Amino acid sequence: MKKILLFFCLSLIMVSCEIESSKNGKLDGFWHLTTIDTIATKGHLDVSEKGYFWSVQMHLLQIARQEGGTGLIVFRFENKDNTLRVYDPYANHRENGDPKIIDTSITSLMGINHLDETFAIEKLKGNIMILQGKELRLTFKRF
């Protein structure tokens, strides 16, 4: 009887626990920005050697620039209807209270020209992701 009661209690505990999982699908992961194309001028910039990375997990997008030691910038994002909206950026500086980003001079180097920007997801297949904003087309390789 004690074993049955113990099993029943453990079953209730396990059922009552909810494991939060991401609904981002193939978007989740660590992405290396390889090219930035300017839509208006058809300009093409190879940034594969620059070390620009986007990391997507749960509800946060983290961008980092290996070159120059910029540090991390964290955005909130929404992923729905084949679009990716990135907004509400903060610098990851714990000692300074994670200040809100109000200038895009650093983020624009890594393809984000606006503090609230929406990209169409042109391709998200295998290890390739292509995002298109109003001004830029960004190509990533899964790292």
Protein backbone atom coordinates (compact mmCIF):
# COMPACT_ATOMS: atom_id res chain seq x y z
CA MET A 1 0.00 0.00 0.00
CA LYS A 2 2.86 2.39 0.84
CA LYS A 3 4.44 1.70 -2.54
CA ILE A 4 1.19 2.49 -4.34
CA LEU A 5 0.76 5.72 -2.35
CA LEU A 6 4.37 6.72 -3.02
CA PHE A 7 3.97 5.98 -6.75
CA PHE A 8 0.74 8.01 -6.83
CA CYS A 9 2.37 11.00 -5.09
CA LEU A 10 5.39 10.94 -7.40
CA SER A 11 3.10 10.71 -10.43
CA LEU A 12 1.16 13.80 -9.27
CA ILE A 13 4.38 15.73 -8.75
CA MET A 14 5.70 14.81 -12.18
CA VAL A 15 2.43 15.68 -13.91
CA SER A 16 2.20 19.02 -12.13
CA CYS A 17 5.68 20.09 -13.30
CA GLU A 18 5.71 21.94 -16.57
CA ILE A 19 8.85 21.93 -18.62
CA GLU A 20 9.15 25.12 -20.63
CA SER A 21 10.27 24.48 -24.15
CA SER A 22 11.02 26.78 -27.03
CA LYS A 23 8.62 27.18 -29.92
CA ASN A 24 11.31 28.66 -32.15
CA GLY A 25 12.00 25.47 -34.07
CA LYS A 26 14.98 25.73 -36.39
CA LEU A 27 15.58 29.36 -35.39
CA ASP A 28 17.06 28.35 -32.03
CA GLY A 29 20.81 28.05 -32.09
CA PHE A 30 24.11 29.81 -32.64
CA TRP A 31 24.35 31.65 -35.98
CA HIS A 32 27.41 33.12 -37.69
CA LEU A 33 26.64 36.19 -39.81
CA THR A 34 28.48 35.68 -43.10
CA THR A 35 27.19 38.33 -45.51
CA ILE A 36 25.31 41.62 -45.39
CA ASP A 37 23.68 42.77 -48.63
CA THR A 38 22.32 46.27 -49.08
CA ILE A 39 19.00 46.01 -50.88
CA ALA A 40 18.86 49.52 -52.40
CA THR A 41 22.36 49.52 -53.89
CA LYS A 42 22.82 45.77 -54.35
CA GLY A 43 26.00 46.08 -52.28
CA HIS A 44 27.53 42.90 -50.90
CA LEU A 45 29.73 42.72 -47.82
CA ASP A 46 31.47 39.52 -46.74
CA VAL A 47 31.69 39.62 -42.94
CA SER A 48 32.50 35.95 -42.43
CA GLU A 49 35.93 36.77 -40.98
CA LYS A 50 34.60 39.46 -38.61
CA GLY A 51 33.20 37.09 -35.98
CA TYR A 52 29.62 38.41 -35.77
CA PHE A 53 27.32 35.96 -34.00
CA TRP A 54 23.63 35.81 -33.19
CA SER A 55 22.43 33.36 -30.56
CA VAL A 56 18.72 32.55 -30.35
CA GLN A 57 17.20 30.81 -27.37
CA MET A 58 13.71 30.88 -25.88
CA HIS A 59 12.66 34.57 -25.94
CA LEU A 60 16.07 36.23 -26.27
CA LEU A 61 18.41 37.06 -29.12
CA GLN A 62 21.99 37.75 -28.14
CA ILE A 63 24.38 39.36 -30.59
CA ALA A 64 28.14 39.46 -30.13
CA ARG A 65 31.07 40.80 -32.04
CA GLN A 66 34.27 38.86 -31.57
CA GLU A 67 36.26 41.56 -33.37
CA GLY A 68 36.78 44.61 -31.16
CA GLY A 69 35.39 43.01 -28.01
CA THR A 70 32.07 44.85 -28.13
CA GLY A 71 30.52 42.55 -25.58
CA LEU A 72 27.04 41.13 -25.70
CA ILE A 73 23.80 42.84 -26.61
CA VAL A 74 20.55 41.13 -25.73
CA PHE A 75 17.28 41.73 -27.60
CA ARG A 76 13.80 40.43 -27.02
CA PHE A 77 12.30 38.93 -30.15
CA GLU A 78 9.09 37.62 -31.68
CA ASN A 79 9.08 34.84 -34.23
CA LYS A 80 5.76 34.46 -36.02
CA ASP A 81 4.30 34.30 -39.53
CA ASN A 82 7.73 33.92 -41.14
CA THR A 83 8.99 37.13 -39.56
CA LEU A 84 11.50 37.89 -36.86
CA ARG A 85 10.99 41.09 -34.89
CA VAL A 86 13.92 42.16 -32.68
CA TYR A 87 13.39 44.91 -30.13
CA ASP A 88 14.21 46.22 -26.65
CA PRO A 89 18.03 45.88 -26.70
CA TYR A 90 20.21 45.94 -23.58
CA ALA A 91 23.97 45.83 -23.16
CA ASN A 92 25.06 42.86 -21.09
CA HIS A 93 27.04 44.82 -18.49
CA ARG A 94 26.02 43.36 -15.13
CA GLU A 95 28.25 45.74 -13.16
CA ASN A 96 26.48 48.74 -14.79
CA GLY A 97 22.97 47.33 -14.44
CA ASP A 98 22.55 46.19 -18.05
CA PRO A 99 21.95 49.61 -19.65
CA LYS A 100 19.34 49.98 -22.38
CA ILE A 101 20.82 50.49 -25.86
CA ILE A 102 19.70 53.80 -27.37
CA ASP A 103 22.22 54.06 -30.22
CA THR A 104 22.46 51.61 -33.12
CA SER A 105 26.11 52.31 -34.00
CA ILE A 106 27.20 48.94 -32.58
CA THR A 107 24.16 46.86 -33.58
CA SER A 108 24.23 48.15 -37.17
CA LEU A 109 27.63 46.51 -37.66
CA MET A 110 25.86 43.18 -37.10
CA GLY A 111 22.84 43.88 -39.32
CA ILE A 112 20.38 45.55 -36.95
CA ASN A 113 19.86 49.18 -38.00
CA HIS A 114 16.87 49.98 -35.78
CA LEU A 115 16.09 49.48 -32.10
CA ASP A 116 12.86 47.78 -33.17
CA GLU A 117 13.27 45.99 -36.50
CA THR A 118 11.36 43.29 -38.34
CA PHE A 119 12.94 40.85 -40.77
CA ALA A 120 11.23 38.51 -43.20
CA ILE A 121 12.61 34.98 -42.81
CA GLU A 122 13.48 34.18 -46.44
CA LYS A 123 15.20 30.90 -45.67
CA LEU A 124 15.61 28.78 -42.57
CA LYS A 125 16.70 25.38 -43.72
CA GLY A 126 19.52 23.13 -42.63
CA ASN A 127 22.43 25.27 -41.59
CA ILE A 128 21.43 28.41 -43.55
CA MET A 129 19.28 31.34 -42.46
CA ILE A 130 18.53 34.39 -44.61
CA LEU A 131 16.74 37.39 -43.11
CA GLN A 132 15.56 40.43 -45.07
CA GLY A 133 14.80 43.77 -43.48
CA LYS A 134 13.82 47.03 -45.16
CA GLU A 135 17.44 47.89 -45.93
CA LEU A 136 19.55 44.73 -45.54
CA ARG A 137 19.58 41.04 -46.36
CA LEU A 138 21.53 39.00 -43.81
CA THR A 139 22.90 35.53 -44.46
CA PHE A 140 23.88 33.24 -41.59
CA LYS A 141 25.44 29.85 -41.22
CA ARG A 142 24.61 27.68 -38.22
CA PHE A 143 27.73 27.44 -36.09
